[in-house]
Amino acid sequence: MNCCNDIGTCTQGRDCPIRKQRAQEANEAFMKLHRGADDPYDDFAASVKGLIALVCVATGVAMIAFAFWGK
C-alpha cells in the first residue's frame, strides 16, 4: 500500500502510515534535543547560588574599601 505520490507527499491525510512514521521520528528527534533541560529547579538553584556569591563578593569589597578609606 502506497499512500504517497512520486515526490513523497502523503495523499491520504493523517491515516497514512508513512506520515505517522515521519511524525514519530520528528518527535523523537525533538525530545533528544531538549533532554538537557528537564528540571527547572536546577536553573533556579544555580541562579540563587550566583546571587549569593555576588552579594558575598560585593560585601567583601565594601569591607576592604572601608578598612582602607573608612572613617
Protein backbone atom coordinates (compact mmCIF):
# COMPACT_ATOMS: atom_id res chain seq x y z
CA MET A 1 0.00 0.00 0.00
CA ASN A 2 1.45 3.28 -1.07
CA CYS A 3 -0.19 6.45 0.16
CA CYS A 4 2.40 8.87 -1.20
CA ASN A 5 2.83 10.33 -4.64
CA ASP A 6 6.04 10.36 -6.70
CA ILE A 7 7.64 13.24 -4.77
CA GLY A 8 6.89 11.81 -1.31
CA THR A 9 3.85 13.88 -0.38
CA CYS A 10 1.17 11.94 1.51
CA THR A 11 -2.17 11.75 -0.28
CA GLN A 12 -4.31 10.05 2.39
CA GLY A 13 -4.08 12.65 5.11
CA ARG A 14 -3.47 11.72 8.74
CA ASP A 15 -4.07 7.98 8.24
CA CYS A 16 -1.01 7.49 6.08
CA PRO A 17 1.44 5.14 7.86
CA ILE A 18 4.45 6.83 6.31
CA ARG A 19 3.25 10.20 7.58
CA LYS A 20 2.80 8.76 11.09
CA GLN A 21 6.32 7.32 10.95
CA ARG A 22 7.81 10.68 9.91
CA ALA A 23 5.92 12.46 12.69
CA GLN A 24 7.19 9.92 15.25
CA GLU A 25 10.78 10.39 14.03
CA ALA A 26 10.43 14.17 14.31
CA ASN A 27 9.03 13.87 17.84
CA GLU A 28 11.87 11.60 18.93
CA ALA A 29 14.48 13.96 17.47
CA PHE A 30 12.88 16.91 19.29
CA MET A 31 12.89 15.03 22.59
CA LYS A 32 16.56 14.07 22.19
CA LEU A 33 17.44 17.69 21.51
CA HIS A 34 15.72 19.00 24.65
CA ARG A 35 16.69 16.33 27.19
CA GLY A 36 19.26 18.58 28.90
CA ALA A 37 16.69 20.99 30.35
CA ASP A 38 14.48 18.56 32.27
CA ASP A 39 14.45 20.17 35.72
CA PRO A 40 13.84 23.93 36.01
CA TYR A 41 14.84 23.74 39.70
CA ASP A 42 18.48 23.27 38.65
CA ASP A 43 18.45 26.60 36.83
CA PHE A 44 16.79 28.34 39.79
CA ALA A 45 19.29 26.86 42.27
CA ALA A 46 22.20 27.96 40.09
CA SER A 47 20.77 31.49 39.89
CA VAL A 48 20.39 31.70 43.68
CA LYS A 49 23.94 30.43 44.21
CA GLY A 50 25.21 33.03 41.75
CA LEU A 51 23.30 35.78 43.54
CA ILE A 52 24.70 34.72 46.92
CA ALA A 53 28.23 34.69 45.51
CA LEU A 54 27.74 38.17 44.05
CA VAL A 55 26.48 39.53 47.38
CA CYS A 56 29.45 37.98 49.22
CA VAL A 57 31.98 39.45 46.80
CA ALA A 58 30.36 42.89 46.93
CA THR A 59 30.31 42.79 50.75
CA GLY A 60 33.97 41.77 50.84
CA VAL A 61 34.99 44.58 48.51
CA ALA A 62 32.99 47.08 50.58
CA MET A 63 34.64 45.88 53.81
CA ILE A 64 38.11 46.20 52.30
CA ALA A 65 37.26 49.68 51.00
CA PHE A 66 36.02 50.77 54.44
CA ALA A 67 39.16 49.33 56.04
CA PHE A 68 41.40 51.47 53.82
CA TRP A 69 39.30 54.62 53.44
CA GLY A 70 36.69 54.38 56.15
CA LYS A 71 36.21 56.85 58.95
